[in-house]
Amino acid sequence: MFWLIAKVLIQRPLDRMGIVVQRKANLPLPPEPPLLQRPLQGKINALVLDVGANVGQSVEQVLRVAPEARIVSFEPLPDAFAILQKKYGQCSGVTLVNAAVGDTDGFIEIWRNKFSPSSSLLRMTQLCKDSHQALSEVGKDVVRVVRLDSFL
């Protein structure tokens, strides 16, 4: 039934415009080039500061491109940090810090978002909330904040 609906709603109008769509079964997607490949390529002793590491998406990319790089990841949310620590806590060259980065050492409020990577020290604007239903604040927490110059 789905294919019939798809054919009527999608394929026929495209056919009328002269656009041919063919379905290819089980073709692998080409690998996506890592975002950080060019800036890290050929760098010796690279230091990467991953501020707002979430669950390690950037750590994964850096390790793929520059496995010898030194990475310092900062993540203030305890639940995201626990996942980050489980994934990369034993990796040599990766330092994990359960804190936000700011202009003073201490503690600060963070606005927790339903979509964890969008949690922020800055409150989400109404325009952002209205334009993205998946983005909704679920509360705020108090987290540790460190200055880069006092940490490094």
Protein backbone atom coordinates (compact mmCIF):
# COMPACT_ATOMS: atom_id res chain seq x y z
CA MET A 1 0.00 0.00 0.00
CA PHE A 2 2.82 2.41 0.88
CA TRP A 3 4.47 2.01 -2.53
CA LEU A 4 1.18 2.67 -4.30
CA ILE A 5 0.69 5.90 -2.34
CA ALA A 6 4.31 6.89 -2.96
CA LYS A 7 3.92 6.21 -6.65
CA VAL A 8 0.77 8.32 -6.91
CA LEU A 9 1.94 11.21 -4.72
CA ILE A 10 5.61 11.37 -5.61
CA GLN A 11 6.62 9.47 -8.70
CA ARG A 12 3.79 10.50 -11.08
CA PRO A 13 4.24 14.26 -10.56
CA LEU A 14 8.00 13.86 -10.99
CA ASP A 15 7.42 11.82 -14.17
CA ARG A 16 5.28 14.67 -15.56
CA MET A 17 8.21 17.03 -14.98
CA GLY A 18 10.57 14.67 -16.79
CA ILE A 19 12.40 13.58 -13.63
CA VAL A 20 13.15 9.87 -13.47
CA VAL A 21 13.43 8.32 -10.01
CA GLN A 22 14.76 4.80 -9.69
CA ARG A 23 14.95 2.86 -6.47
CA LYS A 24 18.21 1.04 -5.88
CA ALA A 25 18.04 -1.62 -3.19
CA ASN A 26 20.59 -1.75 -0.37
CA LEU A 27 23.20 0.56 -1.84
CA PRO A 28 25.64 1.66 0.85
CA LEU A 29 25.87 5.39 1.50
CA PRO A 30 29.25 6.95 0.76
CA PRO A 31 31.22 7.69 3.94
CA GLU A 32 30.81 11.27 5.09
CA PRO A 33 34.15 13.07 5.20
CA PRO A 34 34.98 14.09 8.75
CA LEU A 35 34.34 17.76 9.40
CA LEU A 36 37.73 18.21 11.01
CA GLN A 37 39.81 16.43 8.38
CA ARG A 38 41.30 19.51 6.69
CA PRO A 39 42.21 21.51 9.84
CA LEU A 40 43.87 18.49 11.51
CA GLN A 41 45.49 16.85 8.51
CA GLY A 42 49.26 16.68 8.90
CA LYS A 43 49.27 18.39 12.30
CA ILE A 44 51.71 16.93 14.81
CA ASN A 45 50.82 17.22 18.51
CA ALA A 46 47.43 18.83 17.78
CA LEU A 47 45.46 20.03 20.79
CA VAL A 48 41.69 20.03 20.35
CA LEU A 49 39.44 21.74 22.90
CA ASP A 50 35.96 20.25 22.65
CA VAL A 51 33.75 22.71 24.54
CA GLY A 52 30.24 21.32 25.00
CA ALA A 53 31.28 17.78 24.12
CA ASN A 54 27.84 16.28 24.72
CA VAL A 55 28.30 12.51 24.25
CA GLY A 56 31.48 12.68 22.17
CA GLN A 57 30.43 13.32 18.58
CA SER A 58 33.46 15.56 17.94
CA VAL A 59 35.83 13.26 19.85
CA GLU A 60 34.85 10.46 17.48
CA GLN A 61 35.61 12.61 14.42
CA VAL A 62 38.93 13.86 15.77
CA LEU A 63 40.09 10.35 16.68
CA ARG A 64 39.19 9.14 13.20
CA VAL A 65 41.22 11.89 11.51
CA ALA A 66 44.03 12.45 14.02
CA PRO A 67 44.29 9.53 16.45
CA GLU A 68 47.45 11.02 17.96
CA ALA A 69 45.78 14.35 18.84
CA ARG A 70 45.39 15.44 22.44
CA ILE A 71 41.71 16.16 23.13
CA VAL A 72 40.30 17.99 26.14
CA SER A 73 36.51 17.65 26.24
CA PHE A 74 34.32 19.81 28.49
CA GLU A 75 30.73 18.67 29.16
CA PRO A 76 28.69 20.12 32.04
CA LEU A 77 25.57 17.92 31.93
CA PRO A 78 26.02 14.90 34.24
CA ASP A 79 24.03 12.44 32.08
CA ALA A 80 25.82 13.39 28.85
CA PHE A 81 29.17 13.35 30.68
CA ALA A 82 28.47 9.81 31.96
CA ILE A 83 28.03 8.60 28.37
CA LEU A 84 31.11 10.52 27.26
CA GLN A 85 33.13 8.98 30.08
CA LYS A 86 31.90 5.48 29.26
CA LYS A 87 32.86 5.90 25.59
CA TYR A 88 36.19 7.74 25.92
CA GLY A 89 37.25 7.63 29.56
CA GLN A 90 39.95 5.03 28.89
CA CYS A 91 41.33 6.62 25.71
CA SER A 92 44.89 7.85 26.03
CA GLY A 93 45.18 11.41 24.85
CA VAL A 94 41.56 12.22 25.79
CA THR A 95 40.93 14.27 28.93
CA LEU A 96 37.32 14.63 30.06
CA VAL A 97 36.16 17.50 32.27
CA ASN A 98 32.69 17.55 33.81
CA ALA A 99 32.27 21.34 33.60
CA ALA A 100 31.16 24.21 31.39
CA VAL A 101 33.67 26.76 30.11
CA GLY A 102 33.21 30.41 31.03
CA ASP A 103 34.97 33.59 32.10
CA THR A 104 35.06 32.70 35.83
CA ASP A 105 35.60 29.58 37.91
CA GLY A 106 32.61 28.54 40.00
CA PHE A 107 29.07 27.43 39.31
CA ILE A 108 26.49 28.58 36.77
CA GLU A 109 22.95 27.77 35.66
CA ILE A 110 22.52 25.81 32.45
CA TRP A 111 19.25 25.60 30.54
CA ARG A 112 18.60 21.93 29.90
CA ASN A 113 16.94 21.13 26.60
CA LYS A 114 14.87 18.12 25.56
CA PHE A 115 17.39 17.78 22.69
CA SER A 116 20.52 17.51 24.85
CA PRO A 117 23.03 19.02 22.35
CA SER A 118 20.98 22.24 22.44
CA SER A 119 21.31 22.72 26.19
CA SER A 120 23.07 26.01 26.85
CA LEU A 121 24.20 28.58 29.37
CA LEU A 122 22.07 30.97 27.31
CA ARG A 123 18.30 30.78 27.47
CA MET A 124 16.63 29.73 24.23
CA THR A 125 14.74 32.50 22.42
CA GLN A 126 11.03 32.18 21.70
CA LEU A 127 11.74 32.32 17.97
CA CYS A 128 13.96 29.24 18.27
CA LYS A 129 11.35 27.38 20.35
CA ASP A 130 8.62 28.23 17.84
CA SER A 131 10.63 27.16 14.82
CA HIS A 132 11.86 23.81 16.16
CA GLN A 133 9.35 21.69 18.07
CA ALA A 134 12.05 19.25 19.17
CA LEU A 135 13.79 22.10 20.98
CA SER A 136 12.12 22.71 24.27
CA GLU A 137 13.56 23.60 27.62
CA VAL A 138 12.93 21.04 30.32
CA GLY A 139 14.49 22.95 33.18
CA LYS A 140 17.75 24.25 34.48
CA ASP A 141 20.61 22.82 36.49
CA VAL A 142 23.54 24.31 38.31
CA VAL A 143 26.87 23.08 36.92
CA ARG A 144 30.54 23.71 37.53
CA VAL A 145 32.20 26.25 35.25
CA VAL A 146 35.95 26.63 34.64
CA ARG A 147 38.11 29.14 32.81
CA LEU A 148 40.33 27.67 30.13
CA ASP A 149 43.38 29.53 31.39
CA SER A 150 42.91 28.20 34.92
CA PHE A 151 42.39 24.65 33.67
CA LEU A 152 45.09 24.26 31.03
